[in-house]
C-alpha cells in the first residue's frame, strides 16, 4: 500500500530517500530552501516546495499532519 511521505531536505540523503521511495511506489513530497536541489529531485517526487522548514507558518501550509510519515 502506497504511503504519503514528506522529506525535509533535498541533499544527498533526501534525494536517495526520495528515489528509493519513488521506486517503491510511494507519493513523495520534498521541501528544501535551495531551488537547484528541488529541480534535481523533481523526477522522483510527486511534489516539491521551495521554503524554510524551520518556519512554522510555511510548514503548516503543507498539511504536515496529512502525511503518513516524515523524513528529516
C-alpha atoms as a PDB file:
ATOM      1  CA  UNK A   1       0.000   0.000   0.000  1.00  0.00           C
ATOM      2  CA  UNK A   2       1.413   3.369  -1.057  1.00  0.00           C
ATOM      3  CA  UNK A   3       2.253   5.842   1.679  1.00  0.00           C
ATOM      4  CA  UNK A   4       2.479   9.618   1.538  1.00  0.00           C
ATOM      5  CA  UNK A   5       5.900  10.792   2.657  1.00  0.00           C
ATOM      6  CA  UNK A   6       7.238  14.251   3.438  1.00  0.00           C
ATOM      7  CA  UNK A   7      11.002  14.642   3.112  1.00  0.00           C
ATOM      8  CA  UNK A   8      12.585  17.740   4.587  1.00  0.00           C
ATOM      9  CA  UNK A   9      15.876  18.403   2.857  1.00  0.00           C
ATOM     10  CA  UNK A  10      16.824  17.544  -0.722  1.00  0.00           C
ATOM     11  CA  UNK A  11      20.504  16.897  -0.088  1.00  0.00           C
ATOM     12  CA  UNK A  12      22.196  13.540  -0.600  1.00  0.00           C
ATOM     13  CA  UNK A  13      20.158  11.651   1.991  1.00  0.00           C
ATOM     14  CA  UNK A  14      16.879  13.294   0.972  1.00  0.00           C
ATOM     15  CA  UNK A  15      17.499  12.636  -2.721  1.00  0.00           C
ATOM     16  CA  UNK A  16      18.420   8.985  -2.097  1.00  0.00           C
ATOM     17  CA  UNK A  17      15.373   8.504   0.132  1.00  0.00           C
ATOM     18  CA  UNK A  18      13.089  10.112  -2.460  1.00  0.00           C
ATOM     19  CA  UNK A  19      14.453   7.889  -5.246  1.00  0.00           C
ATOM     20  CA  UNK A  20      14.018   4.685  -3.254  1.00  0.00           C
ATOM     21  CA  UNK A  21      10.540   5.592  -2.010  1.00  0.00           C
ATOM     22  CA  UNK A  22       9.529   6.559  -5.558  1.00  0.00           C
ATOM     23  CA  UNK A  23      10.761   3.178  -6.837  1.00  0.00           C
ATOM     24  CA  UNK A  24       8.604   1.529  -4.157  1.00  0.00           C
ATOM     25  CA  UNK A  25       5.513   3.388  -5.418  1.00  0.00           C
ATOM     26  CA  UNK A  26       5.068   5.908  -2.617  1.00  0.00           C
ATOM     27  CA  UNK A  27       3.916   9.527  -3.033  1.00  0.00           C
ATOM     28  CA  UNK A  28       6.805  11.770  -2.027  1.00  0.00           C
ATOM     29  CA  UNK A  29       6.828  15.494  -1.235  1.00  0.00           C
ATOM     30  CA  UNK A  30      10.154  17.248  -0.673  1.00  0.00           C
ATOM     31  CA  UNK A  31      10.882  20.618   0.929  1.00  0.00           C
ATOM     32  CA  UNK A  32      14.177  22.482   0.666  1.00  0.00           C
ATOM     33  CA  UNK A  33      15.330  26.097   0.576  1.00  0.00           C
ATOM     34  CA  UNK A  34      17.543  25.569  -2.459  1.00  0.00           C
ATOM     35  CA  UNK A  35      15.846  25.719  -5.839  1.00  0.00           C
ATOM     36  CA  UNK A  36      18.696  23.872  -7.561  1.00  0.00           C
ATOM     37  CA  UNK A  37      18.236  20.845  -5.273  1.00  0.00           C
ATOM     38  CA  UNK A  38      14.478  20.896  -5.800  1.00  0.00           C
ATOM     39  CA  UNK A  39      14.987  20.932  -9.576  1.00  0.00           C
ATOM     40  CA  UNK A  40      17.315  17.906  -9.373  1.00  0.00           C
ATOM     41  CA  UNK A  41      14.877  15.859  -7.293  1.00  0.00           C
ATOM     42  CA  UNK A  42      11.697  16.591  -9.297  1.00  0.00           C
ATOM     43  CA  UNK A  43      11.810  13.360 -11.390  1.00  0.00           C
ATOM     44  CA  UNK A  44      11.491  11.305  -8.198  1.00  0.00           C
ATOM     45  CA  UNK A  45       8.730  13.145  -6.320  1.00  0.00           C
ATOM     46  CA  UNK A  46       5.021  13.822  -6.594  1.00  0.00           C
ATOM     47  CA  UNK A  47       5.515  17.412  -5.444  1.00  0.00           C
ATOM     48  CA  UNK A  48       8.236  19.680  -4.119  1.00  0.00           C
ATOM     49  CA  UNK A  49       8.307  23.102  -2.499  1.00  0.00           C
ATOM     50  CA  UNK A  50      10.994  25.687  -2.009  1.00  0.00           C
ATOM     51  CA  UNK A  51      10.814  27.006   1.528  1.00  0.00           C
ATOM     52  CA  UNK A  52      12.207  27.204   5.028  1.00  0.00           C
ATOM     53  CA  UNK A  53      11.329  24.094   7.012  1.00  0.00           C
ATOM     54  CA  UNK A  54      12.064  25.963  10.262  1.00  0.00           C
ATOM     55  CA  UNK A  55       9.214  28.391   9.506  1.00  0.00           C
ATOM     56  CA  UNK A  56       6.157  27.049  11.310  1.00  0.00           C
ATOM     57  CA  UNK A  57       3.706  29.034   9.159  1.00  0.00           C
ATOM     58  CA  UNK A  58       5.259  27.658   5.956  1.00  0.00           C
ATOM     59  CA  UNK A  59       5.158  24.090   7.258  1.00  0.00           C
ATOM     60  CA  UNK A  60       1.505  24.483   8.262  1.00  0.00           C
ATOM     61  CA  UNK A  61       0.645  25.347   4.643  1.00  0.00           C
ATOM     62  CA  UNK A  62       1.915  21.899   3.610  1.00  0.00           C
ATOM     63  CA  UNK A  63      -0.576  19.986   5.742  1.00  0.00           C
ATOM     64  CA  UNK A  64       2.179  18.139   7.566  1.00  0.00           C
ATOM     65  CA  UNK A  65      -0.312  16.165   9.647  1.00  0.00           C
ATOM     66  CA  UNK A  66      -1.735  14.555   6.480  1.00  0.00           C
ATOM     67  CA  UNK A  67       1.444  12.608   5.627  1.00  0.00           C
ATOM     68  CA  UNK A  68       1.944   9.038   6.771  1.00  0.00           C
ATOM     69  CA  UNK A  69       5.493   9.806   7.829  1.00  0.00           C
ATOM     70  CA  UNK A  70       8.244  12.402   7.552  1.00  0.00           C
ATOM     71  CA  UNK A  71      11.981  12.067   6.987  1.00  0.00           C
ATOM     72  CA  UNK A  72      14.210  14.887   8.217  1.00  0.00           C
END
